[in-house]
PDB file of N, CA and C in Angstrom:
ATOM      1  N   MET A   1       0.855  -1.170   0.000  1.00  0.00           N
ATOM      2  CA  MET A   1       0.000   0.000   0.000  1.00  0.00           C
ATOM      3  C   MET A   1       0.901   1.233   0.000  1.00  0.00           C
ATOM      4  N   ASN A   2       0.636   2.142  -0.904  1.00  0.00           N
ATOM      5  CA  ASN A   2       1.405   3.378  -0.942  1.00  0.00           C
ATOM      6  C   ASN A   2       0.619   4.503  -0.261  1.00  0.00           C
ATOM      7  N   LYS A   3       1.198   5.703  -0.220  1.00  0.00           N
ATOM      8  CA  LYS A   3       0.564   6.812   0.492  1.00  0.00           C
ATOM      9  C   LYS A   3      -0.806   7.154  -0.101  1.00  0.00           C
ATOM     10  N   GLY A   4      -0.916   7.168  -1.415  1.00  0.00           N
ATOM     11  CA  GLY A   4      -2.185   7.496  -2.058  1.00  0.00           C
ATOM     12  C   GLY A   4      -3.288   6.514  -1.687  1.00  0.00           C
ATOM     13  N   GLU A   5      -2.940   5.235  -1.677  1.00  0.00           N
ATOM     14  CA  GLU A   5      -3.926   4.212  -1.291  1.00  0.00           C
ATOM     15  C   GLU A   5      -4.306   4.347   0.177  1.00  0.00           C
ATOM     16  N   LEU A   6      -3.332   4.681   1.015  1.00  0.00           N
ATOM     17  CA  LEU A   6      -3.607   4.866   2.434  1.00  0.00           C
ATOM     18  C   LEU A   6      -4.504   6.083   2.660  1.00  0.00           C
ATOM     19  N   VAL A   7      -4.247   7.166   1.953  1.00  0.00           N
ATOM     20  CA  VAL A   7      -5.090   8.366   2.051  1.00  0.00           C
ATOM     21  C   VAL A   7      -6.516   8.042   1.624  1.00  0.00           C
ATOM     22  N   GLU A   8      -6.665   7.295   0.544  1.00  0.00           N
ATOM     23  CA  GLU A   8      -7.993   6.905   0.063  1.00  0.00           C
ATOM     24  C   GLU A   8      -8.713   6.043   1.100  1.00  0.00           C
ATOM     25  N   PHE A   9      -8.005   5.115   1.724  1.00  0.00           N
ATOM     26  CA  PHE A   9      -8.589   4.257   2.750  1.00  0.00           C
ATOM     27  C   PHE A   9      -9.047   5.082   3.948  1.00  0.00           C
ATOM     28  N   VAL A  10      -8.195   6.000   4.401  1.00  0.00           N
ATOM     29  CA  VAL A  10      -8.552   6.848   5.549  1.00  0.00           C
ATOM     30  C   VAL A  10      -9.758   7.716   5.212  1.00  0.00           C
ATOM     31  N   ALA A  11      -9.804   8.243   3.999  1.00  0.00           N
ATOM     32  CA  ALA A  11     -10.937   9.077   3.583  1.00  0.00           C
ATOM     33  C   ALA A  11     -12.239   8.284   3.618  1.00  0.00           C
ATOM     34  N   LYS A  12     -12.216   7.043   3.155  1.00  0.00           N
ATOM     35  CA  LYS A  12     -13.421   6.215   3.175  1.00  0.00           C
ATOM     36  C   LYS A  12     -13.825   5.859   4.599  1.00  0.00           C
ATOM     37  N   GLN A  13     -12.848   5.503   5.442  1.00  0.00           N
ATOM     38  CA  GLN A  13     -13.141   5.106   6.821  1.00  0.00           C
ATOM     39  C   GLN A  13     -13.704   6.258   7.643  1.00  0.00           C
ATOM     40  N   THR A  14     -13.217   7.463   7.394  1.00  0.00           N
ATOM     41  CA  THR A  14     -13.654   8.623   8.179  1.00  0.00           C
ATOM     42  C   THR A  14     -14.742   9.430   7.483  1.00  0.00           C
ATOM     43  N   LYS A  15     -15.124   8.998   6.289  1.00  0.00           N
ATOM     44  CA  LYS A  15     -16.135   9.700   5.488  1.00  0.00           C
ATOM     45  C   LYS A  15     -15.777  11.177   5.330  1.00  0.00           C
ATOM     46  N   SER A  16     -14.510  11.401   4.959  1.00  0.00           N
ATOM     47  CA  SER A  16     -14.032  12.758   4.715  1.00  0.00           C
ATOM     48  C   SER A  16     -13.428  12.823   3.319  1.00  0.00           C
ATOM     49  N   THR A  17     -12.981  14.001   2.956  1.00  0.00           N
ATOM     50  CA  THR A  17     -12.375  14.157   1.630  1.00  0.00           C
ATOM     51  C   THR A  17     -10.950  13.618   1.638  1.00  0.00           C
ATOM     52  N   LYS A  18     -10.431  13.369   0.452  1.00  0.00           N
ATOM     53  CA  LYS A  18      -9.051  12.895   0.348  1.00  0.00           C
ATOM     54  C   LYS A  18      -8.077  13.959   0.848  1.00  0.00           C
ATOM     55  N   ALA A  19      -8.416  15.230   0.614  1.00  0.00           N
ATOM     56  CA  ALA A  19      -7.539  16.315   1.067  1.00  0.00           C
ATOM     57  C   ALA A  19      -7.459  16.332   2.590  1.00  0.00           C
ATOM     58  N   ASP A  20      -8.608  16.159   3.262  1.00  0.00           N
ATOM     59  CA  ASP A  20      -8.622  16.125   4.728  1.00  0.00           C
ATOM     60  C   ASP A  20      -7.850  14.905   5.242  1.00  0.00           C
ATOM     61  N   ALA A  21      -8.039  13.766   4.602  1.00  0.00           N
ATOM     62  CA  ALA A  21      -7.354  12.548   5.009  1.00  0.00           C
ATOM     63  C   ALA A  21      -5.845  12.689   4.810  1.00  0.00           C
ATOM     64  N   ASP A  22      -5.439  13.338   3.719  1.00  0.00           N
ATOM     65  CA  ASP A  22      -4.021  13.550   3.457  1.00  0.00           C
ATOM     66  C   ASP A  22      -3.409  14.448   4.531  1.00  0.00           C
ATOM     67  N   ARG A  23      -4.105  15.531   4.885  1.00  0.00           N
ATOM     68  CA  ARG A  23      -3.604  16.422   5.935  1.00  0.00           C
ATOM     69  C   ARG A  23      -3.491  15.691   7.262  1.00  0.00           C
ATOM     70  N   ALA A  24      -4.465  14.854   7.579  1.00  0.00           N
ATOM     71  CA  ALA A  24      -4.434  14.097   8.830  1.00  0.00           C
ATOM     72  C   ALA A  24      -3.259  13.112   8.835  1.00  0.00           C
ATOM     73  N   LEU A  25      -3.062  12.408   7.742  1.00  0.00           N
ATOM     74  CA  LEU A  25      -1.967  11.441   7.645  1.00  0.00           C
ATOM     75  C   LEU A  25      -0.609  12.132   7.761  1.00  0.00           C
ATOM     76  N   VAL A  26      -0.449  13.247   7.079  1.00  0.00           N
ATOM     77  CA  VAL A  26       0.801  14.007   7.140  1.00  0.00           C
ATOM     78  C   VAL A  26       1.039  14.502   8.563  1.00  0.00           C
ATOM     79  N   ALA A  27      -0.017  14.953   9.253  1.00  0.00           N
ATOM     80  CA  ALA A  27       0.118  15.429  10.632  1.00  0.00           C
ATOM     81  C   ALA A  27       0.558  14.299  11.560  1.00  0.00           C
ATOM     82  N   VAL A  28      -0.004  13.115  11.389  1.00  0.00           N
ATOM     83  CA  VAL A  28       0.379  11.966  12.218  1.00  0.00           C
ATOM     84  C   VAL A  28       1.843  11.604  11.970  1.00  0.00           C
ATOM     85  N   LEU A  29       2.248  11.552  10.718  1.00  0.00           N
ATOM     86  CA  LEU A  29       3.634  11.196  10.389  1.00  0.00           C
ATOM     87  C   LEU A  29       4.619  12.237  10.904  1.00  0.00           C
ATOM     88  N   LYS A  30       4.257  13.523  10.801  1.00  0.00           N
ATOM     89  CA  LYS A  30       5.122  14.576  11.332  1.00  0.00           C
ATOM     90  C   LYS A  30       5.225  14.462  12.849  1.00  0.00           C
ATOM     91  N   GLY A  31       4.113  14.135  13.506  1.00  0.00           N
ATOM     92  CA  GLY A  31       4.123  13.956  14.954  1.00  0.00           C
ATOM     93  C   GLY A  31       5.034  12.815  15.374  1.00  0.00           C
ATOM     94  N   ILE A  32       4.988  11.717  14.641  1.00  0.00           N
ATOM     95  CA  ILE A  32       5.864  10.577  14.933  1.00  0.00           C
ATOM     96  C   ILE A  32       7.320  10.986  14.734  1.00  0.00           C
ATOM     97  N   MET A  33       7.626  11.658  13.623  1.00  0.00           N
ATOM     98  CA  MET A  33       9.002  12.078  13.347  1.00  0.00           C
ATOM     99  C   MET A  33       9.523  13.022  14.432  1.00  0.00           C
ATOM    100  N   LYS A  34       8.679  13.950  14.865  1.00  0.00           N
ATOM    101  CA  LYS A  34       9.083  14.902  15.902  1.00  0.00           C
ATOM    102  C   LYS A  34       9.266  14.189  17.241  1.00  0.00           C
ATOM    103  N   GLY A  35       8.363  13.281  17.562  1.00  0.00           N
ATOM    104  CA  GLY A  35       8.435  12.564  18.828  1.00  0.00           C
ATOM    105  C   GLY A  35       9.625  11.644  18.925  1.00  0.00           C
ATOM    106  N   VAL A  36       9.989  10.994  17.825  1.00  0.00           N
ATOM    107  CA  VAL A  36      11.099  10.038  17.815  1.00  0.00           C
ATOM    108  C   VAL A  36      12.426  10.731  18.108  1.00  0.00           C
ATOM    109  N   LYS A  37      12.521  12.021  17.807  1.00  0.00           N
ATOM    110  CA  LYS A  37      13.762  12.749  18.081  1.00  0.00           C
ATOM    111  C   LYS A  37      14.056  12.786  19.577  1.00  0.00           C
ATOM    112  N   LYS A  38      12.997  12.796  20.406  1.00  0.00           N
ATOM    113  CA  LYS A  38      13.162  12.897  21.855  1.00  0.00           C
ATOM    114  C   LYS A  38      13.166  11.532  22.539  1.00  0.00           C
ATOM    115  N   ALA A  39      12.247  10.672  22.151  1.00  0.00           N
ATOM    116  CA  ALA A  39      12.096   9.361  22.803  1.00  0.00           C
ATOM    117  C   ALA A  39      11.316   8.442  21.872  1.00  0.00           C
ATOM    118  N   PRO A  40      11.326   7.126  22.135  1.00  0.00           N
ATOM    119  CA  PRO A  40      10.532   6.214  21.304  1.00  0.00           C
ATOM    120  C   PRO A  40       9.044   6.587  21.331  1.00  0.00           C
ATOM    121  N   VAL A  41       8.376   6.401  20.204  1.00  0.00           N
ATOM    122  CA  VAL A  41       6.941   6.662  20.097  1.00  0.00           C
ATOM    123  C   VAL A  41       6.246   5.313  20.094  1.00  0.00           C
ATOM    124  N   GLN A  42       5.477   5.054  21.145  1.00  0.00           N
ATOM    125  CA  GLN A  42       4.811   3.763  21.283  1.00  0.00           C
ATOM    126  C   GLN A  42       3.312   3.929  21.059  1.00  0.00           C
ATOM    127  N   LEU A  43       2.791   3.177  20.108  1.00  0.00           N
ATOM    128  CA  LEU A  43       1.360   3.133  19.850  1.00  0.00           C
ATOM    129  C   LEU A  43       0.887   1.772  20.364  1.00  0.00           C
ATOM    130  N   VAL A  44       0.273   1.774  21.536  1.00  0.00           N
ATOM    131  CA  VAL A  44      -0.118   0.528  22.200  1.00  0.00           C
ATOM    132  C   VAL A  44      -1.008  -0.290  21.278  1.00  0.00           C
ATOM    133  N   GLY A  45      -0.681  -1.557  21.138  1.00  0.00           N
ATOM    134  CA  GLY A  45      -1.440  -2.460  20.281  1.00  0.00           C
ATOM    135  C   GLY A  45      -1.046  -2.386  18.817  1.00  0.00           C
ATOM    136  N   PHE A  46      -0.092  -1.538  18.483  1.00  0.00           N
ATOM    137  CA  PHE A  46       0.349  -1.416  17.091  1.00  0.00           C
ATOM    138  C   PHE A  46       1.848  -1.641  16.982  1.00  0.00           C
ATOM    139  N   GLY A  47       2.646  -0.802  17.669  1.00  0.00           N
ATOM    140  CA  GLY A  47       4.090  -0.962  17.611  1.00  0.00           C
ATOM    141  C   GLY A  47       4.817   0.252  18.139  1.00  0.00           C
ATOM    142  N   THR A  48       6.146   0.225  18.002  1.00  0.00           N
ATOM    143  CA  THR A  48       6.995   1.291  18.527  1.00  0.00           C
ATOM    144  C   THR A  48       7.962   1.779  17.458  1.00  0.00           C
ATOM    145  N   PHE A  49       8.044   3.098  17.308  1.00  0.00           N
ATOM    146  CA  PHE A  49       9.016   3.742  16.439  1.00  0.00           C
ATOM    147  C   PHE A  49      10.143   4.242  17.334  1.00  0.00           C
ATOM    148  N   LYS A  50      11.396   3.979  16.950  1.00  0.00           N
ATOM    149  CA  LYS A  50      12.500   4.512  17.735  1.00  0.00           C
ATOM    150  C   LYS A  50      13.686   4.837  16.848  1.00  0.00           C
ATOM    151  N   LYS A  51      14.531   5.716  17.381  1.00  0.00           N
ATOM    152  CA  LYS A  51      15.720   6.172  16.676  1.00  0.00           C
ATOM    153  C   LYS A  51      16.840   5.174  16.933  1.00  0.00           C
ATOM    154  N   THR A  52      17.536   4.758  15.871  1.00  0.00           N
ATOM    155  CA  THR A  52      18.628   3.797  15.977  1.00  0.00           C
ATOM    156  C   THR A  52      19.819   4.315  15.177  1.00  0.00           C
ATOM    157  N   LYS A  53      21.006   4.110  15.722  1.00  0.00           N
ATOM    158  CA  LYS A  53      22.220   4.524  15.019  1.00  0.00           C
ATOM    159  C   LYS A  53      22.774   3.341  14.238  1.00  0.00           C
ATOM    160  N   ARG A  54      23.136   3.588  12.985  1.00  0.00           N
ATOM    161  CA  ARG A  54      23.794   2.582  12.150  1.00  0.00           C
ATOM    162  C   ARG A  54      25.277   2.911  12.092  1.00  0.00           C
ATOM    163  N   LYS A  55      26.112   1.912  12.203  1.00  0.00           N
ATOM    164  CA  LYS A  55      27.551   2.107  12.134  1.00  0.00           C
ATOM    165  C   LYS A  55      27.991   2.323  10.688  1.00  0.00           C
ATOM    166  N   ALA A  56      29.150   2.945  10.526  1.00  0.00           N
ATOM    167  CA  ALA A  56      29.752   3.087   9.198  1.00  0.00           C
ATOM    168  C   ALA A  56      30.151   1.692   8.714  1.00  0.00           C
ATOM    169  N   ARG A  57      30.084   1.488   7.407  1.00  0.00           N
ATOM    170  CA  ARG A  57      30.415   0.176   6.867  1.00  0.00           C
ATOM    171  C   ARG A  57      30.869   0.317   5.414  1.00  0.00           C
ATOM    172  N   MET A  58      31.401  -0.754   4.894  1.00  0.00           N
ATOM    173  CA  MET A  58      31.817  -0.768   3.498  1.00  0.00           C
ATOM    174  C   MET A  58      30.703  -1.389   2.651  1.00  0.00           C
ATOM    175  N   GLY A  59      30.469  -0.811   1.486  1.00  0.00           N
ATOM    176  CA  GLY A  59      29.462  -1.322   0.573  1.00  0.00           C
ATOM    177  C   GLY A  59      30.069  -1.527  -0.809  1.00  0.00           C
ATOM    178  N   VAL A  60      29.270  -2.086  -1.711  1.00  0.00           N
ATOM    179  CA  VAL A  60      29.736  -2.334  -3.076  1.00  0.00           C
ATOM    180  C   VAL A  60      28.711  -1.778  -4.049  1.00  0.00           C
ATOM    181  N   ASN A  61      29.171  -1.003  -5.011  1.00  0.00           N
ATOM    182  CA  ASN A  61      28.306  -0.512  -6.068  1.00  0.00           C
ATOM    183  C   ASN A  61      27.978  -1.705  -6.968  1.00  0.00           C
ATOM    184  N   PRO A  62      26.708  -2.116  -7.065  1.00  0.00           N
ATOM    185  CA  PRO A  62      26.375  -3.311  -7.846  1.00  0.00           C
ATOM    186  C   PRO A  62      26.631  -3.155  -9.349  1.00  0.00           C
ATOM    187  N   ALA A  63      26.609  -1.933  -9.837  1.00  0.00           N
ATOM    188  CA  ALA A  63      26.817  -1.729 -11.268  1.00  0.00           C
ATOM    189  C   ALA A  63      28.283  -1.853 -11.657  1.00  0.00           C
ATOM    190  N   THR A  64      29.175  -1.321 -10.810  1.00  0.00           N
ATOM    191  CA  THR A  64      30.597  -1.302 -11.165  1.00  0.00           C
ATOM    192  C   THR A  64      31.452  -2.247 -10.337  1.00  0.00           C
ATOM    193  N   GLY A  65      30.938  -2.675  -9.192  1.00  0.00           N
ATOM    194  CA  GLY A  65      31.698  -3.536  -8.308  1.00  0.00           C
ATOM    195  C   GLY A  65      32.689  -2.772  -7.440  1.00  0.00           C
ATOM    196  N   ALA A  66      32.675  -1.436  -7.562  1.00  0.00           N
ATOM    197  CA  ALA A  66      33.598  -0.608  -6.782  1.00  0.00           C
ATOM    198  C   ALA A  66      33.168  -0.567  -5.317  1.00  0.00           C
ATOM    199  N   LYS A  67      34.160  -0.625  -4.425  1.00  0.00           N
ATOM    200  CA  LYS A  67      33.865  -0.548  -2.999  1.00  0.00           C
ATOM    201  C   LYS A  67      33.728   0.915  -2.601  1.00  0.00           C
ATOM    202  N   LEU A  68      32.822   1.171  -1.678  1.00  0.00           N
ATOM    203  CA  LEU A  68      32.633   2.521  -1.203  1.00  0.00           C
ATOM    204  C   LEU A  68      32.297   2.509   0.285  1.00  0.00           C
ATOM    205  N   LYS A  69      32.637   3.596   0.954  1.00  0.00           N
ATOM    206  CA  LYS A  69      32.392   3.680   2.386  1.00  0.00           C
ATOM    207  C   LYS A  69      31.021   4.315   2.610  1.00  0.00           C
ATOM    208  N   ILE A  70      30.199   3.656   3.422  1.00  0.00           N
ATOM    209  CA  ILE A  70      28.882   4.177   3.780  1.00  0.00           C
ATOM    210  C   ILE A  70      29.026   4.775   5.171  1.00  0.00           C
ATOM    211  N   ARG A  71      28.678   6.063   5.312  1.00  0.00           N
ATOM    212  CA  ARG A  71      28.844   6.759   6.581  1.00  0.00           C
ATOM    213  C   ARG A  71      27.839   6.280   7.626  1.00  0.00           C
ATOM    214  N   ALA A  72      28.169   6.485   8.880  1.00  0.00           N
ATOM    215  CA  ALA A  72      27.250   6.193   9.981  1.00  0.00           C
ATOM    216  C   ALA A  72      26.085   7.178   9.900  1.00  0.00           C
ATOM    217  N   LYS A  73      24.896   6.732  10.300  1.00  0.00           N
ATOM    218  CA  LYS A  73      23.746   7.631  10.299  1.00  0.00           C
ATOM    219  C   LYS A  73      22.697   7.144  11.275  1.00  0.00           C
ATOM    220  N   THR A  74      21.753   8.014  11.568  1.00  0.00           N
ATOM    221  CA  THR A  74      20.655   7.693  12.467  1.00  0.00           C
ATOM    222  C   THR A  74      19.410   7.453  11.623  1.00  0.00           C
ATOM    223  N   VAL A  75      18.707   6.359  11.901  1.00  0.00           N
ATOM    224  CA  VAL A  75      17.495   6.007  11.166  1.00  0.00           C
ATOM    225  C   VAL A  75      16.371   5.710  12.148  1.00  0.00           C
ATOM    226  N   ILE A  76      15.152   5.689  11.654  1.00  0.00           N
ATOM    227  CA  ILE A  76      13.996   5.329  12.471  1.00  0.00           C
ATOM    228  C   ILE A  76      13.652   3.875  12.183  1.00  0.00           C
ATOM    229  N   THR A  77      13.486   3.088  13.249  1.00  0.00           N
ATOM    230  CA  THR A  77      13.086   1.695  13.090  1.00  0.00           C
ATOM    231  C   THR A  77      11.703   1.506  13.694  1.00  0.00           C
ATOM    232  N   PHE A  78      11.012   0.465  13.262  1.00  0.00           N
ATOM    233  CA  PHE A  78       9.678   0.162  13.759  1.00  0.00           C
ATOM    234  C   PHE A  78       9.630  -1.283  14.187  1.00  0.00           C
ATOM    235  N   LYS A  79       9.077  -1.523  15.356  1.00  0.00           N
ATOM    236  CA  LYS A  79       8.910  -2.884  15.846  1.00  0.00           C
ATOM    237  C   LYS A  79       7.423  -3.101  16.140  1.00  0.00           C
ATOM    238  N   VAL A  80       6.848  -4.117  15.535  1.00  0.00           N
ATOM    239  CA  VAL A  80       5.433  -4.428  15.720  1.00  0.00           C
ATOM    240  C   VAL A  80       5.213  -4.950  17.132  1.00  0.00           C
ATOM    241  N   SER A  81       4.076  -4.574  17.741  1.00  0.00           N
ATOM    242  CA  SER A  81       3.789  -5.073  19.083  1.00  0.00           C
ATOM    243  C   SER A  81       3.528  -6.578  19.040  1.00  0.00           C
ATOM    244  N   LYS A  82       3.679  -7.218  20.180  1.00  0.00           N
ATOM    245  CA  LYS A  82       3.519  -8.683  20.240  1.00  0.00           C
ATOM    246  C   LYS A  82       2.093  -9.115  19.914  1.00  0.00           C
ATOM    247  N   ASN A  83       1.129  -8.334  20.329  1.00  0.00           N
ATOM    248  CA  ASN A  83      -0.281  -8.661  20.088  1.00  0.00           C
ATOM    249  C   ASN A  83      -0.983  -7.488  19.434  1.00  0.00           C
ATOM    250  N   PRO A  84      -0.845  -7.326  18.106  1.00  0.00           N
ATOM    251  CA  PRO A  84      -1.506  -6.208  17.435  1.00  0.00           C
ATOM    252  C   PRO A  84      -3.025  -6.262  17.633  1.00  0.00           C
ATOM    253  N   LYS A  85      -3.610  -5.106  17.937  1.00  0.00           N
ATOM    254  CA  LYS A  85      -5.046  -5.063  18.224  1.00  0.00           C
ATOM    255  C   LYS A  85      -5.865  -4.494  17.072  1.00  0.00           C
ATOM    256  N   TYR A  86      -5.211  -4.065  15.986  1.00  0.00           N
ATOM    257  CA  TYR A  86      -5.956  -3.416  14.916  1.00  0.00           C
ATOM    258  C   TYR A  86      -6.148  -4.342  13.742  1.00  0.00           C
TER     259      TYR A  86
END
């Protein structure tokens, strides 16, 4: 499911317009992104979003076979709850 399909689903479920559903979805995603900067965001019965650091590592360009260094970075990870309720 992509963002457009998700917006359409939310619009049907809430009986609102696609524009309203898109704004709501964007607001939720922005809230998660902002919250994860401070602490893990836990949605009980769904899962937890948290910030994780990835170490620097060596990679390979699949087209040329050349080795390249991939820098360390911070990413957001998601872990599904043990008993999803939705």
